[in-house]
Amino acid sequence: MTTEVSVFYFAKSAELTGLKSETIRVASELTTVELWQDLVSRHPRLSAVRDSVVLAVRQEYLALGDVRVSLRDGDEVAVIPPLSGG
């Protein structure tokens, strides 16, 4: 089963994708790594931030790994690369 979610790209991830946001269809049950792999398949340049990116689903930060995610239509997913500044 798939669901439609809004993906928001911040900082370096927006630069790499050329997008600030998009709406995509993904599996409604998947791990954070599977979600990341789906995003990278759409935007291969995202792989450059793989080791330091964090995803947020419904404003909850999730590390990439075997964390299970249940997505519903209309959910928001944020791709948050490392932030610099001081």
PDB file of N, CA and C in Angstrom:
ATOM      1  N   MET A   1       0.833  -1.174   0.000  1.00  0.00           N
ATOM      2  CA  MET A   1       0.000   0.000   0.000  1.00  0.00           C
ATOM      3  C   MET A   1       0.886   1.249   0.000  1.00  0.00           C
ATOM      4  N   THR A   2       0.510   2.238  -0.786  1.00  0.00           N
ATOM      5  CA  THR A   2       1.297   3.468  -0.837  1.00  0.00           C
ATOM      6  C   THR A   2       0.508   4.619  -0.249  1.00  0.00           C
ATOM      7  N   THR A   3       1.240   5.663   0.061  1.00  0.00           N
ATOM      8  CA  THR A   3       0.643   6.865   0.619  1.00  0.00           C
ATOM      9  C   THR A   3       1.318   8.079  -0.003  1.00  0.00           C
ATOM     10  N   GLU A   4       0.636   9.197   0.010  1.00  0.00           N
ATOM     11  CA  GLU A   4       1.179  10.430  -0.562  1.00  0.00           C
ATOM     12  C   GLU A   4       1.650  11.334   0.567  1.00  0.00           C
ATOM     13  N   VAL A   5       2.939  11.704   0.514  1.00  0.00           N
ATOM     14  CA  VAL A   5       3.521  12.560   1.546  1.00  0.00           C
ATOM     15  C   VAL A   5       4.202  13.761   0.906  1.00  0.00           C
ATOM     16  N   SER A   6       4.346  14.809   1.707  1.00  0.00           N
ATOM     17  CA  SER A   6       5.088  15.995   1.278  1.00  0.00           C
ATOM     18  C   SER A   6       6.490  15.896   1.845  1.00  0.00           C
ATOM     19  N   VAL A   7       7.479  16.071   0.983  1.00  0.00           N
ATOM     20  CA  VAL A   7       8.876  16.025   1.413  1.00  0.00           C
ATOM     21  C   VAL A   7       9.443  17.433   1.307  1.00  0.00           C
ATOM     22  N   PHE A   8      10.059  17.896   2.397  1.00  0.00           N
ATOM     23  CA  PHE A   8      10.664  19.216   2.439  1.00  0.00           C
ATOM     24  C   PHE A   8      12.173  19.052   2.551  1.00  0.00           C
ATOM     25  N   TYR A   9      12.884  19.767   1.698  1.00  0.00           N
ATOM     26  CA  TYR A   9      14.345  19.695   1.665  1.00  0.00           C
ATOM     27  C   TYR A   9      14.911  20.985   2.237  1.00  0.00           C
ATOM     28  N   PHE A  10      15.863  20.845   3.148  1.00  0.00           N
ATOM     29  CA  PHE A  10      16.464  22.001   3.794  1.00  0.00           C
ATOM     30  C   PHE A  10      17.963  22.064   3.518  1.00  0.00           C
ATOM     31  N   ALA A  11      18.481  23.286   3.524  1.00  0.00           N
ATOM     32  CA  ALA A  11      19.918  23.554   3.415  1.00  0.00           C
ATOM     33  C   ALA A  11      20.540  22.792   2.243  1.00  0.00           C
ATOM     34  N   LYS A  12      21.565  22.004   2.510  1.00  0.00           N
ATOM     35  CA  LYS A  12      22.311  21.301   1.458  1.00  0.00           C
ATOM     36  C   LYS A  12      21.421  20.354   0.655  1.00  0.00           C
ATOM     37  N   SER A  13      20.425  19.739   1.294  1.00  0.00           N
ATOM     38  CA  SER A  13      19.561  18.812   0.556  1.00  0.00           C
ATOM     39  C   SER A  13      18.726  19.559  -0.488  1.00  0.00           C
ATOM     40  N   ALA A  14      18.330  20.788  -0.192  1.00  0.00           N
ATOM     41  CA  ALA A  14      17.595  21.595  -1.183  1.00  0.00           C
ATOM     42  C   ALA A  14      18.512  21.955  -2.351  1.00  0.00           C
ATOM     43  N   GLU A  15      19.758  22.260  -2.018  1.00  0.00           N
ATOM     44  CA  GLU A  15      20.740  22.570  -3.067  1.00  0.00           C
ATOM     45  C   GLU A  15      20.979  21.352  -3.964  1.00  0.00           C
ATOM     46  N   LEU A  16      21.087  20.177  -3.363  1.00  0.00           N
ATOM     47  CA  LEU A  16      21.375  18.960  -4.129  1.00  0.00           C
ATOM     48  C   LEU A  16      20.205  18.518  -4.998  1.00  0.00           C
ATOM     49  N   THR A  17      18.983  18.714  -4.515  1.00  0.00           N
ATOM     50  CA  THR A  17      17.808  18.294  -5.291  1.00  0.00           C
ATOM     51  C   THR A  17      17.299  19.373  -6.225  1.00  0.00           C
ATOM     52  N   GLY A  18      17.628  20.629  -5.923  1.00  0.00           N
ATOM     53  CA  GLY A  18      17.082  21.743  -6.696  1.00  0.00           C
ATOM     54  C   GLY A  18      15.632  22.032  -6.323  1.00  0.00           C
ATOM     55  N   LEU A  19      15.178  21.463  -5.213  1.00  0.00           N
ATOM     56  CA  LEU A  19      13.787  21.616  -4.765  1.00  0.00           C
ATOM     57  C   LEU A  19      13.735  22.021  -3.304  1.00  0.00           C
ATOM     58  N   LYS A  20      12.705  22.760  -2.949  1.00  0.00           N
ATOM     59  CA  LYS A  20      12.431  23.021  -1.534  1.00  0.00           C
ATOM     60  C   LYS A  20      11.423  22.005  -1.011  1.00  0.00           C
ATOM     61  N   SER A  21      10.553  21.511  -1.904  1.00  0.00           N
ATOM     62  CA  SER A  21       9.575  20.505  -1.491  1.00  0.00           C
ATOM     63  C   SER A  21       9.022  19.791  -2.712  1.00  0.00           C
ATOM     64  N   GLU A  22       8.405  18.654  -2.453  1.00  0.00           N
ATOM     65  CA  GLU A  22       7.709  17.903  -3.493  1.00  0.00           C
ATOM     66  C   GLU A  22       6.736  16.940  -2.815  1.00  0.00           C
ATOM     67  N   THR A  23       5.762  16.484  -3.565  1.00  0.00           N
ATOM     68  CA  THR A  23       4.829  15.476  -3.088  1.00  0.00           C
ATOM     69  C   THR A  23       5.139  14.181  -3.813  1.00  0.00           C
ATOM     70  N   ILE A  24       5.296  13.099  -3.038  1.00  0.00           N
ATOM     71  CA  ILE A  24       5.652  11.808  -3.622  1.00  0.00           C
ATOM     72  C   ILE A  24       4.743  10.718  -3.057  1.00  0.00           C
ATOM     73  N   ARG A  25       4.732   9.574  -3.733  1.00  0.00           N
ATOM     74  CA  ARG A  25       4.041   8.381  -3.233  1.00  0.00           C
ATOM     75  C   ARG A  25       5.117   7.382  -2.804  1.00  0.00           C
ATOM     76  N   VAL A  26       4.963   6.866  -1.607  1.00  0.00           N
ATOM     77  CA  VAL A  26       5.900   5.876  -1.072  1.00  0.00           C
ATOM     78  C   VAL A  26       5.102   4.802  -0.335  1.00  0.00           C
ATOM     79  N   ALA A  27       5.780   3.716   0.004  1.00  0.00           N
ATOM     80  CA  ALA A  27       5.143   2.669   0.799  1.00  0.00           C
ATOM     81  C   ALA A  27       4.698   3.259   2.131  1.00  0.00           C
ATOM     82  N   SER A  28       3.552   2.835   2.610  1.00  0.00           N
ATOM     83  CA  SER A  28       3.045   3.389   3.858  1.00  0.00           C
ATOM     84  C   SER A  28       3.751   2.809   5.083  1.00  0.00           C
ATOM     85  N   GLU A  29       4.383   1.650   4.928  1.00  0.00           N
ATOM     86  CA  GLU A  29       5.155   1.026   6.018  1.00  0.00           C
ATOM     87  C   GLU A  29       6.558   0.751   5.496  1.00  0.00           C
ATOM     88  N   LEU A  30       7.553   1.387   6.105  1.00  0.00           N
ATOM     89  CA  LEU A  30       8.925   1.180   5.683  1.00  0.00           C
ATOM     90  C   LEU A  30       9.859   1.634   6.782  1.00  0.00           C
ATOM     91  N   THR A  31      11.154   1.357   6.616  1.00  0.00           N
ATOM     92  CA  THR A  31      12.146   1.835   7.581  1.00  0.00           C
ATOM     93  C   THR A  31      12.672   3.180   7.109  1.00  0.00           C
ATOM     94  N   THR A  32      13.364   3.867   8.013  1.00  0.00           N
ATOM     95  CA  THR A  32      13.934   5.160   7.624  1.00  0.00           C
ATOM     96  C   THR A  32      14.973   4.985   6.514  1.00  0.00           C
ATOM     97  N   VAL A  33      15.706   3.877   6.529  1.00  0.00           N
ATOM     98  CA  VAL A  33      16.679   3.627   5.455  1.00  0.00           C
ATOM     99  C   VAL A  33      15.960   3.415   4.125  1.00  0.00           C
ATOM    100  N   GLU A  34      14.864   2.677   4.133  1.00  0.00           N
ATOM    101  CA  GLU A  34      14.108   2.464   2.893  1.00  0.00           C
ATOM    102  C   GLU A  34      13.535   3.776   2.364  1.00  0.00           C
ATOM    103  N   LEU A  35      13.072   4.629   3.264  1.00  0.00           N
ATOM    104  CA  LEU A  35      12.575   5.942   2.857  1.00  0.00           C
ATOM    105  C   LEU A  35      13.704   6.759   2.245  1.00  0.00           C
ATOM    106  N   TRP A  36      14.868   6.749   2.901  1.00  0.00           N
ATOM    107  CA  TRP A  36      16.032   7.460   2.380  1.00  0.00           C
ATOM    108  C   TRP A  36      16.424   6.925   1.002  1.00  0.00           C
ATOM    109  N   GLN A  37      16.453   5.604   0.853  1.00  0.00           N
ATOM    110  CA  GLN A  37      16.820   5.010  -0.437  1.00  0.00           C
ATOM    111  C   GLN A  37      15.841   5.422  -1.537  1.00  0.00           C
ATOM    112  N   ASP A  38      14.568   5.537  -1.201  1.00  0.00           N
ATOM    113  CA  ASP A  38      13.576   5.998  -2.169  1.00  0.00           C
ATOM    114  C   ASP A  38      13.890   7.427  -2.599  1.00  0.00           C
ATOM    115  N   LEU A  39      14.229   8.281  -1.633  1.00  0.00           N
ATOM    116  CA  LEU A  39      14.543   9.675  -1.957  1.00  0.00           C
ATOM    117  C   LEU A  39      15.805   9.770  -2.816  1.00  0.00           C
ATOM    118  N   VAL A  40      16.812   8.957  -2.491  1.00  0.00           N
ATOM    119  CA  VAL A  40      18.062   8.965  -3.267  1.00  0.00           C
ATOM    120  C   VAL A  40      17.817   8.438  -4.681  1.00  0.00           C
ATOM    121  N   SER A  41      16.903   7.476  -4.832  1.00  0.00           N
ATOM    122  CA  SER A  41      16.612   6.980  -6.181  1.00  0.00           C
ATOM    123  C   SER A  41      15.976   8.082  -7.039  1.00  0.00           C
ATOM    124  N   ARG A  42      15.251   8.978  -6.399  1.00  0.00           N
ATOM    125  CA  ARG A  42      14.650  10.113  -7.114  1.00  0.00           C
ATOM    126  C   ARG A  42      15.665  11.230  -7.353  1.00  0.00           C
ATOM    127  N   HIS A  43      16.588  11.382  -6.400  1.00  0.00           N
ATOM    128  CA  HIS A  43      17.575  12.468  -6.435  1.00  0.00           C
ATOM    129  C   HIS A  43      18.946  11.908  -6.042  1.00  0.00           C
ATOM    130  N   PRO A  44      19.647  11.275  -6.983  1.00  0.00           N
ATOM    131  CA  PRO A  44      20.912  10.606  -6.658  1.00  0.00           C
ATOM    132  C   PRO A  44      21.952  11.494  -5.968  1.00  0.00           C
ATOM    133  N   ARG A  45      21.915  12.788  -6.218  1.00  0.00           N
ATOM    134  CA  ARG A  45      22.910  13.672  -5.596  1.00  0.00           C
ATOM    135  C   ARG A  45      22.752  13.739  -4.077  1.00  0.00           C
ATOM    136  N   LEU A  46      21.596  13.351  -3.554  1.00  0.00           N
ATOM    137  CA  LEU A  46      21.390  13.341  -2.099  1.00  0.00           C
ATOM    138  C   LEU A  46      22.364  12.411  -1.388  1.00  0.00           C
ATOM    139  N   SER A  47      22.871  11.420  -2.095  1.00  0.00           N
ATOM    140  CA  SER A  47      23.783  10.460  -1.463  1.00  0.00           C
ATOM    141  C   SER A  47      24.994  11.167  -0.846  1.00  0.00           C
ATOM    142  N   ALA A  48      25.294  12.376  -1.268  1.00  0.00           N
ATOM    143  CA  ALA A  48      26.431  13.131  -0.726  1.00  0.00           C
ATOM    144  C   ALA A  48      26.262  13.463   0.756  1.00  0.00           C
ATOM    145  N   VAL A  49      25.030  13.514   1.253  1.00  0.00           N
ATOM    146  CA  VAL A  49      24.817  13.855   2.664  1.00  0.00           C
ATOM    147  C   VAL A  49      24.373  12.653   3.491  1.00  0.00           C
ATOM    148  N   ARG A  50      24.475  11.460   2.948  1.00  0.00           N
ATOM    149  CA  ARG A  50      23.993  10.228   3.588  1.00  0.00           C
ATOM    150  C   ARG A  50      24.495  10.042   5.019  1.00  0.00           C
ATOM    151  N   ASP A  51      25.760  10.296   5.259  1.00  0.00           N
ATOM    152  CA  ASP A  51      26.342   9.996   6.569  1.00  0.00           C
ATOM    153  C   ASP A  51      25.965  10.989   7.655  1.00  0.00           C
ATOM    154  N   SER A  52      25.342  12.091   7.292  1.00  0.00           N
ATOM    155  CA  SER A  52      25.043  13.090   8.312  1.00  0.00           C
ATOM    156  C   SER A  52      23.606  13.608   8.277  1.00  0.00           C
ATOM    157  N   VAL A  53      22.778  13.023   7.425  1.00  0.00           N
ATOM    158  CA  VAL A  53      21.406  13.505   7.291  1.00  0.00           C
ATOM    159  C   VAL A  53      20.513  12.926   8.388  1.00  0.00           C
ATOM    160  N   VAL A  54      19.497  13.698   8.736  1.00  0.00           N
ATOM    161  CA  VAL A  54      18.459  13.250   9.660  1.00  0.00           C
ATOM    162  C   VAL A  54      17.126  13.460   8.962  1.00  0.00           C
ATOM    163  N   LEU A  55      16.214  12.524   9.131  1.00  0.00           N
ATOM    164  CA  LEU A  55      14.860  12.700   8.604  1.00  0.00           C
ATOM    165  C   LEU A  55      13.947  13.084   9.760  1.00  0.00           C
ATOM    166  N   ALA A  56      12.944  13.871   9.456  1.00  0.00           N
ATOM    167  CA  ALA A  56      11.906  14.169  10.443  1.00  0.00           C
ATOM    168  C   ALA A  56      10.574  13.782   9.816  1.00  0.00           C
ATOM    169  N   VAL A  57       9.818  12.983  10.525  1.00  0.00           N
ATOM    170  CA  VAL A  57       8.493  12.566  10.076  1.00  0.00           C
ATOM    171  C   VAL A  57       7.494  13.087  11.096  1.00  0.00           C
ATOM    172  N   ARG A  58       6.536  13.877  10.626  1.00  0.00           N
ATOM    173  CA  ARG A  58       5.578  14.527  11.531  1.00  0.00           C
ATOM    174  C   ARG A  58       6.311  15.269  12.646  1.00  0.00           C
ATOM    175  N   GLN A  59       7.393  15.957  12.276  1.00  0.00           N
ATOM    176  CA  GLN A  59       8.204  16.790  13.157  1.00  0.00           C
ATOM    177  C   GLN A  59       8.925  16.006  14.254  1.00  0.00           C
ATOM    178  N   GLU A  60       9.128  14.707  14.038  1.00  0.00           N
ATOM    179  CA  GLU A  60       9.902  13.880  14.968  1.00  0.00           C
ATOM    180  C   GLU A  60      11.175  13.434  14.257  1.00  0.00           C
ATOM    181  N   TYR A  61      12.324  13.776  14.852  1.00  0.00           N
ATOM    182  CA  TYR A  61      13.599  13.414  14.248  1.00  0.00           C
ATOM    183  C   TYR A  61      13.839  11.918  14.334  1.00  0.00           C
ATOM    184  N   LEU A  62      14.295  11.341  13.200  1.00  0.00           N
ATOM    185  CA  LEU A  62      14.577   9.918  13.124  1.00  0.00           C
ATOM    186  C   LEU A  62      15.913   9.696  12.432  1.00  0.00           C
ATOM    187  N   ALA A  63      16.781   8.929  13.056  1.00  0.00           N
ATOM    188  CA  ALA A  63      18.054   8.585  12.429  1.00  0.00           C
ATOM    189  C   ALA A  63      17.805   7.540  11.356  1.00  0.00           C
ATOM    190  N   LEU A  64      18.703   7.492  10.383  1.00  0.00           N
ATOM    191  CA  LEU A  64      18.600   6.456   9.356  1.00  0.00           C
ATOM    192  C   LEU A  64      18.972   5.113   9.969  1.00  0.00           C
ATOM    193  N   GLY A  65      18.160   4.132   9.695  1.00  0.00           N
ATOM    194  CA  GLY A  65      18.431   2.805  10.241  1.00  0.00           C
ATOM    195  C   GLY A  65      17.214   1.919  10.061  1.00  0.00           C
ATOM    196  N   ASP A  66      17.036   1.009  11.006  1.00  0.00           N
ATOM    197  CA  ASP A  66      15.934   0.053  10.934  1.00  0.00           C
ATOM    198  C   ASP A  66      14.671   0.549  11.633  1.00  0.00           C
ATOM    199  N   VAL A  67      14.627   1.855  11.921  1.00  0.00           N
ATOM    200  CA  VAL A  67      13.456   2.434  12.578  1.00  0.00           C
ATOM    201  C   VAL A  67      12.258   2.316  11.637  1.00  0.00           C
ATOM    202  N   ARG A  68      11.177   1.676  12.109  1.00  0.00           N
ATOM    203  CA  ARG A  68       9.964   1.510  11.295  1.00  0.00           C
ATOM    204  C   ARG A  68       9.165   2.806  11.318  1.00  0.00           C
ATOM    205  N   VAL A  69       8.633   3.162  10.152  1.00  0.00           N
ATOM    206  CA  VAL A  69       7.825   4.366  10.016  1.00  0.00           C
ATOM    207  C   VAL A  69       6.506   3.984   9.367  1.00  0.00           C
ATOM    208  N   SER A  70       5.417   4.467   9.940  1.00  0.00           N
ATOM    209  CA  SER A  70       4.091   4.298   9.349  1.00  0.00           C
ATOM    210  C   SER A  70       3.649   5.651   8.822  1.00  0.00           C
ATOM    211  N   LEU A  71       3.564   5.763   7.516  1.00  0.00           N
ATOM    212  CA  LEU A  71       3.191   7.026   6.895  1.00  0.00           C
ATOM    213  C   LEU A  71       1.722   7.027   6.515  1.00  0.00           C
ATOM    214  N   ARG A  72       1.109   8.196   6.644  1.00  0.00           N
ATOM    215  CA  ARG A  72      -0.288   8.389   6.263  1.00  0.00           C
ATOM    216  C   ARG A  72      -0.363   9.491   5.220  1.00  0.00           C
ATOM    217  N   ASP A  73      -1.398   9.458   4.397  1.00  0.00           N
ATOM    218  CA  ASP A  73      -1.591  10.525   3.412  1.00  0.00           C
ATOM    219  C   ASP A  73      -1.513  11.878   4.104  1.00  0.00           C
ATOM    220  N   GLY A  74      -0.739  12.781   3.492  1.00  0.00           N
ATOM    221  CA  GLY A  74      -0.619  14.135   4.018  1.00  0.00           C
ATOM    222  C   GLY A  74       0.503  14.333   5.014  1.00  0.00           C
ATOM    223  N   ASP A  75       1.189  13.249   5.411  1.00  0.00           N
ATOM    224  CA  ASP A  75       2.309  13.409   6.337  1.00  0.00           C
ATOM    225  C   ASP A  75       3.400  14.259   5.713  1.00  0.00           C
ATOM    226  N   GLU A  76       4.176  14.887   6.587  1.00  0.00           N
ATOM    227  CA  GLU A  76       5.316  15.692   6.150  1.00  0.00           C
ATOM    228  C   GLU A  76       6.611  14.995   6.548  1.00  0.00           C
ATOM    229  N   VAL A  77       7.519  14.916   5.591  1.00  0.00           N
ATOM    230  CA  VAL A  77       8.843  14.354   5.809  1.00  0.00           C
ATOM    231  C   VAL A  77       9.845  15.459   5.515  1.00  0.00           C
ATOM    232  N   ALA A  78      10.755  15.711   6.444  1.00  0.00           N
ATOM    233  CA  ALA A  78      11.788  16.718   6.231  1.00  0.00           C
ATOM    234  C   ALA A  78      13.142  16.035   6.113  1.00  0.00           C
ATOM    235  N   VAL A  79      13.938  16.508   5.158  1.00  0.00           N
ATOM    236  CA  VAL A  79      15.304  16.015   4.972  1.00  0.00           C
ATOM    237  C   VAL A  79      16.215  17.117   5.496  1.00  0.00           C
ATOM    238  N   ILE A  80      16.895  16.806   6.609  1.00  0.00           N
ATOM    239  CA  ILE A  80      17.669  17.825   7.300  1.00  0.00           C
ATOM    240  C   ILE A  80      19.139  17.419   7.328  1.00  0.00           C
ATOM    241  N   PRO A  81      19.943  18.035   6.485  1.00  0.00           N
ATOM    242  CA  PRO A  81      21.374  17.753   6.501  1.00  0.00           C
ATOM    243  C   PRO A  81      22.019  18.513   7.655  1.00  0.00           C
ATOM    244  N   PRO A  82      23.308  18.281   7.894  1.00  0.00           N
ATOM    245  CA  PRO A  82      23.969  18.991   8.992  1.00  0.00           C
ATOM    246  C   PRO A  82      23.911  20.498   8.737  1.00  0.00           C
ATOM    247  N   LEU A  83      23.712  21.226   9.804  1.00  0.00           N
ATOM    248  CA  LEU A  83      23.667  22.684   9.693  1.00  0.00           C
ATOM    249  C   LEU A  83      24.993  23.243  10.173  1.00  0.00           C
ATOM    250  N   SER A  84      25.454  24.279   9.503  1.00  0.00           N
ATOM    251  CA  SER A  84      26.694  24.906   9.934  1.00  0.00           C
ATOM    252  C   SER A  84      26.363  26.280  10.479  1.00  0.00           C
ATOM    253  N   GLY A  85      27.281  26.830  11.147  1.00  0.00           N
ATOM    254  CA  GLY A  85      27.054  28.165  11.683  1.00  0.00           C
ATOM    255  C   GLY A  85      27.687  28.257  13.050  1.00  0.00           C
ATOM    256  N   GLY A  86      27.538  29.415  13.638  1.00  0.00           N
ATOM    257  CA  GLY A  86      28.257  29.501  14.856  1.00  0.00           C
ATOM    258  C   GLY A  86      27.672  30.296  15.901  1.00  0.00           C
TER     259      GLY A  86
END
